Amino acid sequence: MLDLLGLDAEEAIKSLAEKGVSYETEITEPPGKPLENGYLKVIKQELVEGTYRLTLCKVPDGFR
């Protein structure tokens, strides 16, 4: 299994696409006011029947 946790969503998806691996994404938000601007990061990954399921969350800056 590839370790994609903490990566930018674009980087993780690019890595999967280059390897020809199928994937699904789900975006989650904290309760309250969602961020308008920010970066999507991989916060959870699962491999189910050969498909990566990535849970993404928007963070305010690229260093988190």
PDB file of N, CA and C in Angstrom:
ATOM      1  N   MET A   1       0.852  -1.175   0.000  1.00  0.00           N
ATOM      2  CA  MET A   1       0.000   0.000   0.000  1.00  0.00           C
ATOM      3  C   MET A   1       0.896   1.235   0.000  1.00  0.00           C
ATOM      4  N   LEU A   2       0.560   2.184  -0.824  1.00  0.00           N
ATOM      5  CA  LEU A   2       1.277   3.456  -0.853  1.00  0.00           C
ATOM      6  C   LEU A   2       0.930   4.273   0.384  1.00  0.00           C
ATOM      7  N   ASP A   3       1.885   4.998   0.921  1.00  0.00           N
ATOM      8  CA  ASP A   3       1.638   5.872   2.068  1.00  0.00           C
ATOM      9  C   ASP A   3       1.372   7.276   1.547  1.00  0.00           C
ATOM     10  N   LEU A   4       0.115   7.690   1.573  1.00  0.00           N
ATOM     11  CA  LEU A   4      -0.293   8.981   1.034  1.00  0.00           C
ATOM     12  C   LEU A   4      -0.717   9.965   2.119  1.00  0.00           C
ATOM     13  N   LEU A   5      -0.718   9.537   3.369  1.00  0.00           N
ATOM     14  CA  LEU A   5      -1.183  10.390   4.461  1.00  0.00           C
ATOM     15  C   LEU A   5      -0.359  11.667   4.552  1.00  0.00           C
ATOM     16  N   GLY A   6      -1.060  12.790   4.680  1.00  0.00           N
ATOM     17  CA  GLY A   6      -0.405  14.081   4.838  1.00  0.00           C
ATOM     18  C   GLY A   6      -0.020  14.756   3.540  1.00  0.00           C
ATOM     19  N   LEU A   7      -0.140  14.054   2.424  1.00  0.00           N
ATOM     20  CA  LEU A   7       0.222  14.658   1.140  1.00  0.00           C
ATOM     21  C   LEU A   7      -0.861  15.615   0.660  1.00  0.00           C
ATOM     22  N   ASP A   8      -0.458  16.580  -0.165  1.00  0.00           N
ATOM     23  CA  ASP A   8      -1.445  17.397  -0.864  1.00  0.00           C
ATOM     24  C   ASP A   8      -2.283  16.461  -1.723  1.00  0.00           C
ATOM     25  N   ALA A   9      -3.568  16.756  -1.858  1.00  0.00           N
ATOM     26  CA  ALA A   9      -4.457  15.902  -2.640  1.00  0.00           C
ATOM     27  C   ALA A   9      -3.961  15.756  -4.073  1.00  0.00           C
ATOM     28  N   GLU A  10      -3.520  16.854  -4.679  1.00  0.00           N
ATOM     29  CA  GLU A  10      -3.046  16.799  -6.067  1.00  0.00           C
ATOM     30  C   GLU A  10      -1.864  15.848  -6.210  1.00  0.00           C
ATOM     31  N   GLU A  11      -0.935  15.910  -5.269  1.00  0.00           N
ATOM     32  CA  GLU A  11       0.253  15.051  -5.305  1.00  0.00           C
ATOM     33  C   GLU A  11      -0.134  13.580  -5.141  1.00  0.00           C
ATOM     34  N   ALA A  12      -1.045  13.298  -4.220  1.00  0.00           N
ATOM     35  CA  ALA A  12      -1.483  11.923  -3.977  1.00  0.00           C
ATOM     36  C   ALA A  12      -2.205  11.357  -5.198  1.00  0.00           C
ATOM     37  N   ILE A  13      -3.096  12.149  -5.780  1.00  0.00           N
ATOM     38  CA  ILE A  13      -3.852  11.702  -6.953  1.00  0.00           C
ATOM     39  C   ILE A  13      -2.924  11.493  -8.143  1.00  0.00           C
ATOM     40  N   LYS A  14      -1.966  12.383  -8.309  1.00  0.00           N
ATOM     41  CA  LYS A  14      -0.996  12.240  -9.399  1.00  0.00           C
ATOM     42  C   LYS A  14      -0.205  10.945  -9.238  1.00  0.00           C
ATOM     43  N   SER A  15       0.217  10.648  -8.016  1.00  0.00           N
ATOM     44  CA  SER A  15       0.974   9.430  -7.744  1.00  0.00           C
ATOM     45  C   SER A  15       0.156   8.187  -8.080  1.00  0.00           C
ATOM     46  N   LEU A  16      -1.116   8.181  -7.701  1.00  0.00           N
ATOM     47  CA  LEU A  16      -1.983   7.042  -8.001  1.00  0.00           C
ATOM     48  C   LEU A  16      -2.219   6.906  -9.502  1.00  0.00           C
ATOM     49  N   ALA A  17      -2.451   8.033 -10.174  1.00  0.00           N
ATOM     50  CA  ALA A  17      -2.699   8.011 -11.619  1.00  0.00           C
ATOM     51  C   ALA A  17      -1.479   7.494 -12.382  1.00  0.00           C
ATOM     52  N   GLU A  18      -0.285   7.907 -11.957  1.00  0.00           N
ATOM     53  CA  GLU A  18       0.943   7.449 -12.616  1.00  0.00           C
ATOM     54  C   GLU A  18       1.127   5.940 -12.491  1.00  0.00           C
ATOM     55  N   LYS A  19       0.616   5.374 -11.399  1.00  0.00           N
ATOM     56  CA  LYS A  19       0.736   3.931 -11.180  1.00  0.00           C
ATOM     57  C   LYS A  19      -0.458   3.172 -11.750  1.00  0.00           C
ATOM     58  N   GLY A  20      -1.433   3.900 -12.310  1.00  0.00           N
ATOM     59  CA  GLY A  20      -2.606   3.264 -12.899  1.00  0.00           C
ATOM     60  C   GLY A  20      -3.550   2.662 -11.879  1.00  0.00           C
ATOM     61  N   VAL A  21      -3.562   3.229 -10.678  1.00  0.00           N
ATOM     62  CA  VAL A  21      -4.385   2.715  -9.586  1.00  0.00           C
ATOM     63  C   VAL A  21      -5.692   3.503  -9.522  1.00  0.00           C
ATOM     64  N   SER A  22      -6.804   2.802  -9.319  1.00  0.00           N
ATOM     65  CA  SER A  22      -8.087   3.496  -9.202  1.00  0.00           C
ATOM     66  C   SER A  22      -8.233   4.084  -7.797  1.00  0.00           C
ATOM     67  N   TYR A  23      -8.997   5.173  -7.708  1.00  0.00           N
ATOM     68  CA  TYR A  23      -9.176   5.849  -6.425  1.00  0.00           C
ATOM     69  C   TYR A  23     -10.519   6.561  -6.375  1.00  0.00           C
ATOM     70  N   GLU A  24     -10.952   6.853  -5.168  1.00  0.00           N
ATOM     71  CA  GLU A  24     -12.139   7.654  -4.890  1.00  0.00           C
ATOM     72  C   GLU A  24     -11.739   8.684  -3.853  1.00  0.00           C
ATOM     73  N   THR A  25     -12.380   9.847  -3.882  1.00  0.00           N
ATOM     74  CA  THR A  25     -12.093  10.861  -2.869  1.00  0.00           C
ATOM     75  C   THR A  25     -13.370  11.288  -2.164  1.00  0.00           C
ATOM     76  N   GLU A  26     -13.199  11.691  -0.933  1.00  0.00           N
ATOM     77  CA  GLU A  26     -14.279  12.254  -0.124  1.00  0.00           C
ATOM     78  C   GLU A  26     -13.687  13.444   0.616  1.00  0.00           C
ATOM     79  N   ILE A  27     -14.390  14.564   0.593  1.00  0.00           N
ATOM     80  CA  ILE A  27     -13.911  15.765   1.281  1.00  0.00           C
ATOM     81  C   ILE A  27     -14.707  15.936   2.564  1.00  0.00           C
ATOM     82  N   THR A  28     -13.996  16.146   3.660  1.00  0.00           N
ATOM     83  CA  THR A  28     -14.632  16.368   4.948  1.00  0.00           C
ATOM     84  C   THR A  28     -14.271  17.764   5.436  1.00  0.00           C
ATOM     85  N   GLU A  29     -15.125  18.321   6.279  1.00  0.00           N
ATOM     86  CA  GLU A  29     -14.906  19.670   6.817  1.00  0.00           C
ATOM     87  C   GLU A  29     -15.131  19.662   8.318  1.00  0.00           C
ATOM     88  N   PRO A  30     -14.456  20.547   9.039  1.00  0.00           N
ATOM     89  CA  PRO A  30     -14.738  20.663  10.466  1.00  0.00           C
ATOM     90  C   PRO A  30     -16.110  21.302  10.664  1.00  0.00           C
ATOM     91  N   PRO A  31     -16.736  21.054  11.804  1.00  0.00           N
ATOM     92  CA  PRO A  31     -18.020  21.699  12.068  1.00  0.00           C
ATOM     93  C   PRO A  31     -17.843  23.208  12.180  1.00  0.00           C
ATOM     94  N   GLY A  32     -18.892  23.930  11.909  1.00  0.00           N
ATOM     95  CA  GLY A  32     -18.808  25.389  11.973  1.00  0.00           C
ATOM     96  C   GLY A  32     -18.542  25.969  10.609  1.00  0.00           C
ATOM     97  N   LYS A  33     -17.816  27.054  10.597  1.00  0.00           N
ATOM     98  CA  LYS A  33     -17.549  27.759   9.349  1.00  0.00           C
ATOM     99  C   LYS A  33     -16.445  27.051   8.557  1.00  0.00           C
ATOM    100  N   PRO A  34     -16.764  26.532   7.362  1.00  0.00           N
ATOM    101  CA  PRO A  34     -15.725  25.884   6.554  1.00  0.00           C
ATOM    102  C   PRO A  34     -14.752  26.910   5.971  1.00  0.00           C
ATOM    103  N   LEU A  35     -13.543  26.475   5.698  1.00  0.00           N
ATOM    104  CA  LEU A  35     -12.536  27.348   5.101  1.00  0.00           C
ATOM    105  C   LEU A  35     -12.883  27.626   3.645  1.00  0.00           C
ATOM    106  N   GLU A  36     -12.785  28.881   3.244  1.00  0.00           N
ATOM    107  CA  GLU A  36     -13.008  29.220   1.842  1.00  0.00           C
ATOM    108  C   GLU A  36     -11.755  28.950   1.027  1.00  0.00           C
ATOM    109  N   ASN A  37     -10.600  29.280   1.585  1.00  0.00           N
ATOM    110  CA  ASN A  37      -9.328  29.074   0.898  1.00  0.00           C
ATOM    111  C   ASN A  37      -8.496  28.090   1.695  1.00  0.00           C
ATOM    112  N   GLY A  38      -7.654  27.387   1.002  1.00  0.00           N
ATOM    113  CA  GLY A  38      -6.783  26.446   1.688  1.00  0.00           C
ATOM    114  C   GLY A  38      -6.327  25.358   0.748  1.00  0.00           C
ATOM    115  N   TYR A  39      -5.736  24.334   1.329  1.00  0.00           N
ATOM    116  CA  TYR A  39      -5.160  23.227   0.572  1.00  0.00           C
ATOM    117  C   TYR A  39      -5.794  21.928   1.035  1.00  0.00           C
ATOM    118  N   LEU A  40      -6.127  21.060   0.101  1.00  0.00           N
ATOM    119  CA  LEU A  40      -6.666  19.753   0.459  1.00  0.00           C
ATOM    120  C   LEU A  40      -5.523  18.796   0.757  1.00  0.00           C
ATOM    121  N   LYS A  41      -5.616  18.141   1.908  1.00  0.00           N
ATOM    122  CA  LYS A  41      -4.610  17.172   2.346  1.00  0.00           C
ATOM    123  C   LYS A  41      -5.285  15.816   2.572  1.00  0.00           C
ATOM    124  N   VAL A  42      -4.534  14.753   2.377  1.00  0.00           N
ATOM    125  CA  VAL A  42      -5.025  13.405   2.656  1.00  0.00           C
ATOM    126  C   VAL A  42      -4.928  13.171   4.161  1.00  0.00           C
ATOM    127  N   ILE A  43      -6.078  12.904   4.800  1.00  0.00           N
ATOM    128  CA  ILE A  43      -6.080  12.661   6.241  1.00  0.00           C
ATOM    129  C   ILE A  43      -6.420  11.210   6.587  1.00  0.00           C
ATOM    130  N   LYS A  44      -6.896  10.456   5.591  1.00  0.00           N
ATOM    131  CA  LYS A  44      -7.222   9.044   5.813  1.00  0.00           C
ATOM    132  C   LYS A  44      -7.130   8.333   4.471  1.00  0.00           C
ATOM    133  N   GLN A  45      -6.644   7.107   4.501  1.00  0.00           N
ATOM    134  CA  GLN A  45      -6.624   6.308   3.280  1.00  0.00           C
ATOM    135  C   GLN A  45      -7.008   4.880   3.603  1.00  0.00           C
ATOM    136  N   GLU A  46      -7.724   4.268   2.689  1.00  0.00           N
ATOM    137  CA  GLU A  46      -8.105   2.866   2.802  1.00  0.00           C
ATOM    138  C   GLU A  46      -7.908   2.229   1.432  1.00  0.00           C
ATOM    139  N   LEU A  47      -7.635   0.966   1.413  1.00  0.00           N
ATOM    140  CA  LEU A  47      -7.553   0.213   0.171  1.00  0.00           C
ATOM    141  C   LEU A  47      -8.648  -0.840   0.224  1.00  0.00           C
ATOM    142  N   VAL A  48      -9.674  -0.663  -0.602  1.00  0.00           N
ATOM    143  CA  VAL A  48     -10.823  -1.557  -0.600  1.00  0.00           C
ATOM    144  C   VAL A  48     -10.983  -2.151  -1.995  1.00  0.00           C
ATOM    145  N   GLU A  49     -10.813  -3.449  -2.080  1.00  0.00           N
ATOM    146  CA  GLU A  49     -10.964  -4.178  -3.346  1.00  0.00           C
ATOM    147  C   GLU A  49     -10.167  -3.525  -4.472  1.00  0.00           C
ATOM    148  N   GLY A  50      -8.928  -3.138  -4.181  1.00  0.00           N
ATOM    149  CA  GLY A  50      -8.040  -2.579  -5.192  1.00  0.00           C
ATOM    150  C   GLY A  50      -8.227  -1.106  -5.495  1.00  0.00           C
ATOM    151  N   THR A  51      -9.139  -0.443  -4.783  1.00  0.00           N
ATOM    152  CA  THR A  51      -9.390   0.982  -4.986  1.00  0.00           C
ATOM    153  C   THR A  51      -8.998   1.754  -3.732  1.00  0.00           C
ATOM    154  N   TYR A  52      -8.186   2.774  -3.913  1.00  0.00           N
ATOM    155  CA  TYR A  52      -7.823   3.642  -2.796  1.00  0.00           C
ATOM    156  C   TYR A  52      -8.987   4.585  -2.510  1.00  0.00           C
ATOM    157  N   ARG A  53      -9.363   4.681  -1.258  1.00  0.00           N
ATOM    158  CA  ARG A  53     -10.361   5.657  -0.815  1.00  0.00           C
ATOM    159  C   ARG A  53      -9.621   6.700   0.008  1.00  0.00           C
ATOM    160  N   LEU A  54      -9.575   7.917  -0.513  1.00  0.00           N
ATOM    161  CA  LEU A  54      -8.865   9.002   0.153  1.00  0.00           C
ATOM    162  C   LEU A  54      -9.864   9.958   0.780  1.00  0.00           C
ATOM    163  N   THR A  55      -9.689  10.241   2.059  1.00  0.00           N
ATOM    164  CA  THR A  55     -10.470  11.270   2.730  1.00  0.00           C
ATOM    165  C   THR A  55      -9.597  12.510   2.787  1.00  0.00           C
ATOM    166  N   LEU A  56     -10.144  13.619   2.283  1.00  0.00           N
ATOM    167  CA  LEU A  56      -9.407  14.871   2.177  1.00  0.00           C
ATOM    168  C   LEU A  56     -10.014  15.916   3.097  1.00  0.00           C
ATOM    169  N   CYS A  57      -9.167  16.790   3.615  1.00  0.00           N
ATOM    170  CA  CYS A  57      -9.614  17.889   4.465  1.00  0.00           C
ATOM    171  C   CYS A  57      -8.862  19.143   4.060  1.00  0.00           C
ATOM    172  N   LYS A  58      -9.561  20.265   4.023  1.00  0.00           N
ATOM    173  CA  LYS A  58      -8.924  21.533   3.669  1.00  0.00           C
ATOM    174  C   LYS A  58      -8.242  22.123   4.897  1.00  0.00           C
ATOM    175  N   VAL A  59      -6.986  22.498   4.718  1.00  0.00           N
ATOM    176  CA  VAL A  59      -6.217  23.141   5.784  1.00  0.00           C
ATOM    177  C   VAL A  59      -5.841  24.544   5.322  1.00  0.00           C
ATOM    178  N   PRO A  60      -5.601  25.473   6.253  1.00  0.00           N
ATOM    179  CA  PRO A  60      -5.368  26.867   5.862  1.00  0.00           C
ATOM    180  C   PRO A  60      -4.048  27.131   5.158  1.00  0.00           C
ATOM    181  N   ASP A  61      -3.040  26.281   5.372  1.00  0.00           N
ATOM    182  CA  ASP A  61      -1.770  26.502   4.675  1.00  0.00           C
ATOM    183  C   ASP A  61      -1.157  25.160   4.299  1.00  0.00           C
ATOM    184  N   GLY A  62      -0.204  25.194   3.381  1.00  0.00           N
ATOM    185  CA  GLY A  62       0.371  23.973   2.846  1.00  0.00           C
ATOM    186  C   GLY A  62       1.324  23.244   3.764  1.00  0.00           C
ATOM    187  N   PHE A  63       1.616  23.794   4.929  1.00  0.00           N
ATOM    188  CA  PHE A  63       2.610  23.187   5.813  1.00  0.00           C
ATOM    189  C   PHE A  63       2.002  22.303   6.879  1.00  0.00           C
ATOM    190  N   ARG A  64       0.710  22.214   6.956  1.00  0.00           N
ATOM    191  CA  ARG A  64       0.063  21.390   7.987  1.00  0.00           C
ATOM    192  C   ARG A  64      -0.125  19.994   7.505  1.00  0.00           C
TER     193      ARG A  64
END
